[in-house]
Amino acid sequence: MTTALVVYLLRVIRLSVIVPFHNVADYAAQTLRSLRRSAGPGIEFLLLDDASTDSTLAVLETEAQRLPGSRIVRLPANVGVSAARNAGIDEARGAHLTFLDGDDFVAAGYYPELAAVIERLGCDMVRTDHVQVRGHRRTVHRIGYGPRGVVGRPRDAILPVGRATSVDAPNAWAGVYSRRLVDNGLLYFPEHLRTCEDRLWNWRLHLRAESFAVVGLIGVFYRRGVTTSLTQITDERQLDFLAAFDEIVREASADRDCSLLLPKAIRSYCAMVLHHLGQLDRYQPAQAARLTRLCREGLARLPAEPLQQVVDGLDPERTARLRPLLVAV
């Protein structure tokens, strides 16, 4: 191998890892140390400080000095996770891209393995399993798709209707994505949604990307129950799940496979309604009443006949919980 070729290969960015941080000073150091153990030739780390008001930026500036291939990008104002990820996409130079949240961490050597997998398979995206972390407890969560390491069409992984599938696992960091998706405008996140943005994003990828695979590579450790996480909030932002699923239903309705995909979209909509109504005790009474009303209005926007078929096909307990909401608004 010539010296010129070695220099060229060292300059090639195989993988860009995009990591937004916002007020996660308690976790950022562990996240960055895990990235250091997963660094390698051709891997860049884009560390985006989303206008943190705690000591997150100071942690980044200290730890990034020991992280090969890292760049800190300071956002001038807090823009939220979608816009922060999009800023990272615009900064990325890699042939492939992946994401991580600033309070999560990865296994040693994970990113070189992840890059090697998508290079070998050559598809638009590769989806991975992950580990959920609650204190000292670890639980493996797998993508609901049978074939492993086999390239196929992502829209084939949306169904069946009555089972959790790849489209129901929205986590952006559970996978790696070809730059082709950036070039085609498919990898950017919807910035108008403050929560549930990854659900709409994931549906669009499954509808529009040409090829994908699911592999059993486990390397992301996802913290649950973190107080700063958007999954823990109980304010207006949570209500964006309704706008997200309104858009999912619209896109499924306009798809060439509408008759197959619309029931799945509606069932997922119903599942999210039930999830949020099951947490009403976390809200103030006025917020809980508003959430209930908005869920009823959201269900009323759905096509009546497929909605009724979906509700009739649920288990008796969930059907009983939904029926009182299926009245004229």
Protein backbone atom coordinates (compact mmCIF):
# COMPACT_ATOMS: atom_id res chain seq x y z
CA MET A 1 0.00 0.00 0.00
CA THR A 2 1.48 3.34 -1.05
CA THR A 3 1.89 6.27 1.30
CA ALA A 4 -0.55 8.32 -0.80
CA LEU A 5 -3.22 5.61 -0.50
CA VAL A 6 -2.74 5.39 3.27
CA VAL A 7 -3.15 9.17 3.57
CA TYR A 8 -6.31 9.04 1.41
CA LEU A 9 -7.87 6.22 3.45
CA LEU A 10 -7.16 8.05 6.70
CA ARG A 11 -9.04 11.07 5.36
CA VAL A 12 -12.11 9.09 4.32
CA ILE A 13 -14.94 9.48 6.82
CA ARG A 14 -16.77 6.17 6.96
CA LEU A 15 -19.24 7.13 9.67
CA SER A 16 -20.50 10.34 11.24
CA VAL A 17 -21.92 9.97 14.77
CA ILE A 18 -24.31 12.84 15.59
CA VAL A 19 -24.85 13.46 19.32
CA PRO A 20 -27.00 16.39 20.55
CA PHE A 21 -26.55 17.43 24.18
CA HIS A 22 -28.88 19.64 26.22
CA ASN A 23 -28.54 19.97 29.99
CA VAL A 24 -27.23 16.43 30.52
CA ALA A 25 -24.11 17.28 32.52
CA ASP A 26 -24.73 14.35 34.90
CA TYR A 27 -24.45 11.86 32.02
CA ALA A 28 -22.34 13.53 29.33
CA ALA A 29 -18.95 12.42 30.67
CA GLN A 30 -19.96 8.74 30.61
CA THR A 31 -21.41 9.17 27.13
CA LEU A 32 -18.18 10.69 25.84
CA ARG A 33 -15.96 8.12 27.53
CA SER A 34 -17.99 5.40 25.82
CA LEU A 35 -17.49 7.16 22.48
CA ARG A 36 -13.75 7.20 23.09
CA ARG A 37 -13.81 3.42 23.53
CA SER A 38 -15.71 3.14 20.24
CA ALA A 39 -13.56 5.50 18.16
CA GLY A 40 -11.60 4.36 15.15
CA PRO A 41 -10.16 5.36 11.77
CA GLY A 42 -12.72 7.07 9.57
CA ILE A 43 -15.20 7.79 12.38
CA GLU A 44 -16.12 11.36 13.28
CA PHE A 45 -18.13 12.50 16.29
CA LEU A 46 -20.27 15.64 15.99
CA LEU A 47 -21.04 16.86 19.50
CA LEU A 48 -23.84 19.42 19.34
CA ASP A 49 -24.43 21.56 22.41
CA ASP A 50 -28.05 22.67 22.12
CA ALA A 51 -27.57 25.85 24.19
CA SER A 52 -27.23 24.03 27.50
CA THR A 53 -27.63 26.14 30.62
CA ASP A 54 -25.86 23.73 32.99
CA SER A 55 -22.22 22.55 32.78
CA THR A 56 -22.77 20.29 29.76
CA LEU A 57 -20.62 22.42 27.44
CA ALA A 58 -17.74 22.42 29.93
CA VAL A 59 -17.91 18.61 30.06
CA LEU A 60 -17.86 18.46 26.26
CA GLU A 61 -14.85 20.76 26.03
CA THR A 62 -12.93 18.68 28.55
CA GLU A 63 -13.79 15.21 27.29
CA ALA A 64 -13.63 16.02 23.56
CA GLN A 65 -9.90 16.68 23.89
CA ARG A 66 -9.47 12.94 24.45
CA LEU A 67 -11.96 11.83 21.77
CA PRO A 68 -10.33 11.31 18.36
CA GLY A 69 -12.29 12.67 15.41
CA SER A 70 -14.59 14.85 17.51
CA ARG A 71 -15.92 18.32 16.74
CA ILE A 72 -18.04 20.47 19.06
CA VAL A 73 -20.84 22.40 17.36
CA ARG A 74 -22.39 25.11 19.54
CA LEU A 75 -25.96 25.99 18.61
CA PRO A 76 -26.73 29.65 19.42
CA ALA A 77 -30.20 28.90 20.82
CA ASN A 78 -32.04 25.87 22.13
CA VAL A 79 -33.65 24.37 19.04
CA GLY A 80 -34.70 20.91 20.26
CA VAL A 81 -33.56 17.45 19.30
CA SER A 82 -34.92 17.42 15.73
CA ALA A 83 -33.26 20.66 14.66
CA ALA A 84 -30.07 19.74 16.52
CA ARG A 85 -29.87 16.42 14.69
CA ASN A 86 -30.55 18.21 11.40
CA ALA A 87 -27.70 20.62 12.14
CA GLY A 88 -25.50 17.59 12.72
CA ILE A 89 -26.59 16.06 9.41
CA ASP A 90 -25.57 19.27 7.64
CA GLU A 91 -22.15 19.16 9.34
CA ALA A 92 -21.57 15.44 8.72
CA ARG A 93 -18.93 14.34 6.20
CA GLY A 94 -19.39 10.60 6.51
CA ALA A 95 -20.48 8.09 3.90
CA HIS A 96 -22.88 6.84 6.59
CA LEU A 97 -24.53 8.52 9.57
CA THR A 98 -25.88 7.47 12.92
CA PHE A 99 -27.20 9.16 16.06
CA LEU A 100 -26.91 8.97 19.82
CA ASP A 101 -28.60 10.90 22.62
CA GLY A 102 -26.37 12.81 24.99
CA ASP A 103 -27.46 10.82 28.06
CA ASP A 104 -26.98 7.35 26.53
CA PHE A 105 -23.80 5.34 25.92
CA VAL A 106 -22.37 2.66 23.65
CA ALA A 107 -20.33 -0.52 23.96
CA ALA A 108 -16.61 -0.55 23.25
CA GLY A 109 -15.86 -1.03 19.56
CA TYR A 110 -19.47 -0.59 18.52
CA TYR A 111 -19.12 2.07 15.84
CA PRO A 112 -16.39 0.35 13.79
CA GLU A 113 -18.62 -2.75 13.76
CA LEU A 114 -21.66 -0.69 12.78
CA ALA A 115 -19.81 0.95 9.88
CA ALA A 116 -18.55 -2.43 8.70
CA VAL A 117 -22.08 -3.89 8.68
CA ILE A 118 -23.64 -1.26 6.42
CA GLU A 119 -20.57 -1.26 4.17
CA ARG A 120 -20.92 -5.01 3.75
CA LEU A 121 -24.69 -4.99 3.16
CA GLY A 122 -24.71 -1.87 0.97
CA CYS A 123 -28.33 -0.92 1.77
CA ASP A 124 -29.95 2.43 2.60
CA MET A 125 -30.25 1.69 6.31
CA VAL A 126 -29.44 -1.00 8.85
CA ARG A 127 -31.54 -1.29 12.01
CA THR A 128 -30.16 -2.71 15.27
CA ASP A 129 -31.35 -4.00 18.60
CA HIS A 130 -30.46 -2.11 21.77
CA VAL A 131 -30.26 -2.36 25.56
CA GLN A 132 -32.57 -0.38 27.84
CA VAL A 133 -31.03 0.75 31.13
CA ARG A 134 -32.93 1.41 34.36
CA GLY A 135 -30.43 1.86 37.17
CA HIS A 136 -28.44 -1.39 37.27
CA ARG A 137 -31.05 -3.30 35.28
CA ARG A 138 -30.36 -4.13 31.62
CA THR A 139 -33.02 -5.36 29.14
CA VAL A 140 -32.43 -6.22 25.49
CA HIS A 141 -35.05 -4.83 23.08
CA ARG A 142 -35.12 -6.31 19.61
CA ILE A 143 -36.47 -4.94 16.35
CA GLY A 144 -39.69 -6.77 15.47
CA TYR A 145 -38.52 -8.22 12.18
CA GLY A 146 -37.54 -11.82 11.60
CA PRO A 147 -34.85 -11.97 8.87
CA ARG A 148 -31.46 -10.92 10.21
CA GLY A 149 -28.63 -9.70 8.03
CA VAL A 150 -30.77 -10.00 4.88
CA VAL A 151 -31.35 -6.97 2.64
CA GLY A 152 -35.02 -6.32 1.85
CA ARG A 153 -37.57 -3.55 1.35
CA PRO A 154 -38.30 -1.47 4.46
CA ARG A 155 -42.02 -1.16 3.59
CA ASP A 156 -42.22 -4.94 3.93
CA ALA A 157 -41.27 -4.49 7.61
CA ILE A 158 -44.28 -2.28 8.40
CA LEU A 159 -46.77 -5.14 8.64
CA PRO A 160 -48.42 -7.18 10.11
CA VAL A 161 -51.00 -4.92 11.66
CA GLY A 162 -51.39 -6.73 14.96
CA ARG A 163 -47.73 -7.13 15.93
CA ALA A 164 -44.92 -4.73 16.84
CA THR A 165 -42.70 -4.36 13.78
CA SER A 166 -39.69 -2.35 12.66
CA VAL A 167 -41.84 0.74 12.09
CA ASP A 168 -42.89 0.62 15.76
CA ALA A 169 -39.25 0.94 16.93
CA PRO A 170 -38.62 4.61 16.11
CA ASN A 171 -35.32 5.23 17.90
CA ALA A 172 -32.99 7.01 15.46
CA TRP A 173 -29.89 5.71 17.24
CA ALA A 174 -30.96 2.09 16.68
CA GLY A 175 -29.39 1.96 13.25
CA VAL A 176 -27.06 3.44 10.66
CA TYR A 177 -28.00 5.28 7.48
CA SER A 178 -26.46 5.77 4.05
CA ARG A 179 -25.69 9.26 2.80
CA ARG A 180 -28.06 8.46 -0.06
CA LEU A 181 -30.91 9.14 2.37
CA VAL A 182 -29.51 12.61 3.06
CA ASP A 183 -29.12 13.32 -0.64
CA ASN A 184 -32.74 12.25 -1.20
CA GLY A 185 -34.02 14.43 1.64
CA LEU A 186 -35.21 11.47 3.71
CA LEU A 187 -32.97 11.62 6.78
CA TYR A 188 -33.97 15.04 8.11
CA PHE A 189 -36.25 15.18 11.15
CA PRO A 190 -39.54 17.15 11.27
CA GLU A 191 -38.64 20.23 13.31
CA HIS A 192 -42.24 21.31 13.95
CA LEU A 193 -42.75 18.33 16.28
CA ARG A 194 -41.36 18.66 19.80
CA THR A 195 -42.00 15.01 20.70
CA CYS A 196 -42.81 11.91 18.66
CA GLU A 197 -40.74 13.32 15.78
CA ASP A 198 -38.95 9.99 15.47
CA ARG A 199 -42.25 8.13 14.86
CA LEU A 200 -43.05 10.18 11.76
CA TRP A 201 -39.39 10.08 10.67
CA ASN A 202 -39.28 6.30 10.98
CA TRP A 203 -42.52 5.79 9.05
CA ARG A 204 -41.23 7.98 6.22
CA LEU A 205 -38.01 5.98 6.02
CA HIS A 206 -39.93 2.72 5.85
CA LEU A 207 -42.24 4.09 3.15
CA ARG A 208 -39.62 5.77 0.97
CA ALA A 209 -36.20 4.18 1.43
CA GLU A 210 -35.37 1.48 -1.08
CA SER A 211 -33.48 -1.09 0.99
CA PHE A 212 -32.76 -2.03 4.58
CA ALA A 213 -31.68 -4.84 6.85
CA VAL A 214 -31.98 -5.72 10.53
CA VAL A 215 -28.96 -7.13 12.36
CA GLY A 216 -28.44 -8.51 15.84
CA LEU A 217 -25.61 -6.11 16.65
CA ILE A 218 -26.20 -4.71 20.15
CA GLY A 219 -24.21 -1.69 21.20
CA VAL A 220 -26.46 1.21 22.26
CA PHE A 221 -27.44 1.51 25.92
CA TYR A 222 -30.58 3.63 26.24
CA ARG A 223 -31.29 5.18 29.64
CA ARG A 224 -34.94 5.09 30.70
CA GLY A 225 -36.47 7.27 33.38
CA VAL A 226 -34.03 10.18 32.99
CA THR A 227 -35.83 13.27 34.31
CA THR A 228 -34.58 15.50 31.47
CA SER A 229 -35.82 13.10 28.80
CA LEU A 230 -38.72 14.19 26.60
CA THR A 231 -40.42 10.90 27.43
CA GLN A 232 -40.80 12.13 31.01
CA ILE A 233 -42.38 15.52 30.40
CA THR A 234 -46.04 16.28 31.09
CA ASP A 235 -46.54 19.59 29.33
CA GLU A 236 -47.79 20.84 25.96
CA ARG A 237 -44.95 19.17 24.08
CA GLN A 238 -46.34 15.70 24.74
CA LEU A 239 -49.46 16.57 22.76
CA ASP A 240 -47.42 16.64 19.55
CA PHE A 241 -47.89 12.88 19.32
CA LEU A 242 -51.34 13.62 17.88
CA ALA A 243 -49.96 15.87 15.13
CA ALA A 244 -47.28 13.26 14.38
CA PHE A 245 -49.81 10.46 13.95
CA ASP A 246 -52.17 12.69 11.96
CA GLU A 247 -49.32 13.03 9.46
CA ILE A 248 -48.54 9.31 9.55
CA VAL A 249 -52.18 8.51 8.76
CA ARG A 250 -52.25 11.06 5.93
CA GLU A 251 -49.12 9.59 4.36
CA ALA A 252 -50.36 6.02 4.74
CA SER A 253 -53.68 7.08 3.18
CA ALA A 254 -51.86 8.53 0.15
CA ASP A 255 -49.56 5.54 -0.31
CA ARG A 256 -49.95 3.07 -3.18
CA ASP A 257 -50.42 0.33 -0.58
CA CYS A 258 -53.01 2.32 1.37
CA SER A 259 -55.41 -0.60 1.91
CA LEU A 260 -52.65 -2.57 3.65
CA LEU A 261 -50.84 0.21 5.52
CA LEU A 262 -53.69 2.42 6.77
CA PRO A 263 -54.94 -0.14 9.35
CA LYS A 264 -51.40 -0.35 10.74
CA ALA A 265 -51.16 3.45 11.01
CA ILE A 266 -54.55 3.63 12.72
CA ARG A 267 -53.72 0.84 15.15
CA SER A 268 -50.48 2.61 16.06
CA TYR A 269 -52.45 5.85 16.56
CA CYS A 270 -54.83 4.04 18.91
CA ALA A 271 -51.93 2.48 20.81
CA MET A 272 -50.39 5.90 21.42
CA VAL A 273 -53.74 7.32 22.57
CA LEU A 274 -54.10 4.47 25.05
CA HIS A 275 -50.51 4.94 26.24
CA HIS A 276 -51.02 8.61 27.01
CA LEU A 277 -54.45 8.17 28.56
CA GLY A 278 -52.93 5.51 30.79
CA GLN A 279 -50.69 8.20 32.27
CA LEU A 280 -53.35 10.79 33.08
CA ASP A 281 -52.46 10.68 36.78
CA ARG A 282 -49.15 12.38 35.92
CA TYR A 283 -50.96 15.48 34.65
CA GLN A 284 -52.69 18.34 36.40
CA PRO A 285 -56.52 17.95 36.20
CA ALA A 286 -56.94 20.64 33.54
CA GLN A 287 -54.14 19.14 31.45
CA ALA A 288 -55.62 15.66 31.81
CA ALA A 289 -59.04 16.89 30.67
CA ARG A 290 -57.51 18.64 27.67
CA LEU A 291 -55.48 15.57 26.73
CA THR A 292 -58.61 13.42 26.86
CA ARG A 293 -60.54 15.87 24.70
CA LEU A 294 -57.75 16.10 22.12
CA CYS A 295 -57.48 12.31 21.95
CA ARG A 296 -61.22 12.08 21.29
CA GLU A 297 -60.93 14.72 18.56
CA GLY A 298 -57.94 12.91 17.05
CA LEU A 299 -59.82 9.63 16.84
CA ALA A 300 -62.75 11.48 15.24
CA ARG A 301 -60.43 12.61 12.45
CA LEU A 302 -59.64 9.03 11.46
CA PRO A 303 -61.53 7.21 8.67
CA ALA A 304 -64.54 5.70 10.43
CA GLU A 305 -64.71 2.25 8.86
CA PRO A 306 -61.03 1.22 9.21
CA LEU A 307 -60.97 2.74 12.71
CA GLN A 308 -63.92 0.60 13.76
CA GLN A 309 -62.27 -2.50 12.30
CA VAL A 310 -59.07 -1.77 14.20
CA VAL A 311 -60.89 -1.19 17.49
CA ASP A 312 -62.93 -4.37 17.04
CA GLY A 313 -59.71 -6.30 16.50
CA LEU A 314 -58.07 -5.20 19.75
CA ASP A 315 -58.16 -7.23 22.93
CA PRO A 316 -61.32 -6.69 25.04
CA GLU A 317 -59.61 -4.50 27.65
CA ARG A 318 -58.23 -2.02 25.12
CA THR A 319 -61.45 -2.04 23.11
CA ALA A 320 -63.39 -1.16 26.26
CA ARG A 321 -61.03 1.74 27.01
CA LEU A 322 -61.34 3.17 23.49
CA ARG A 323 -65.07 2.87 22.91
CA PRO A 324 -66.09 5.79 25.16
CA LEU A 325 -63.87 8.01 23.02
CA LEU A 326 -65.52 7.00 19.76
CA VAL A 327 -68.39 9.45 19.97
CA ALA A 328 -69.16 12.53 17.93
CA VAL A 329 -67.10 15.53 19.01
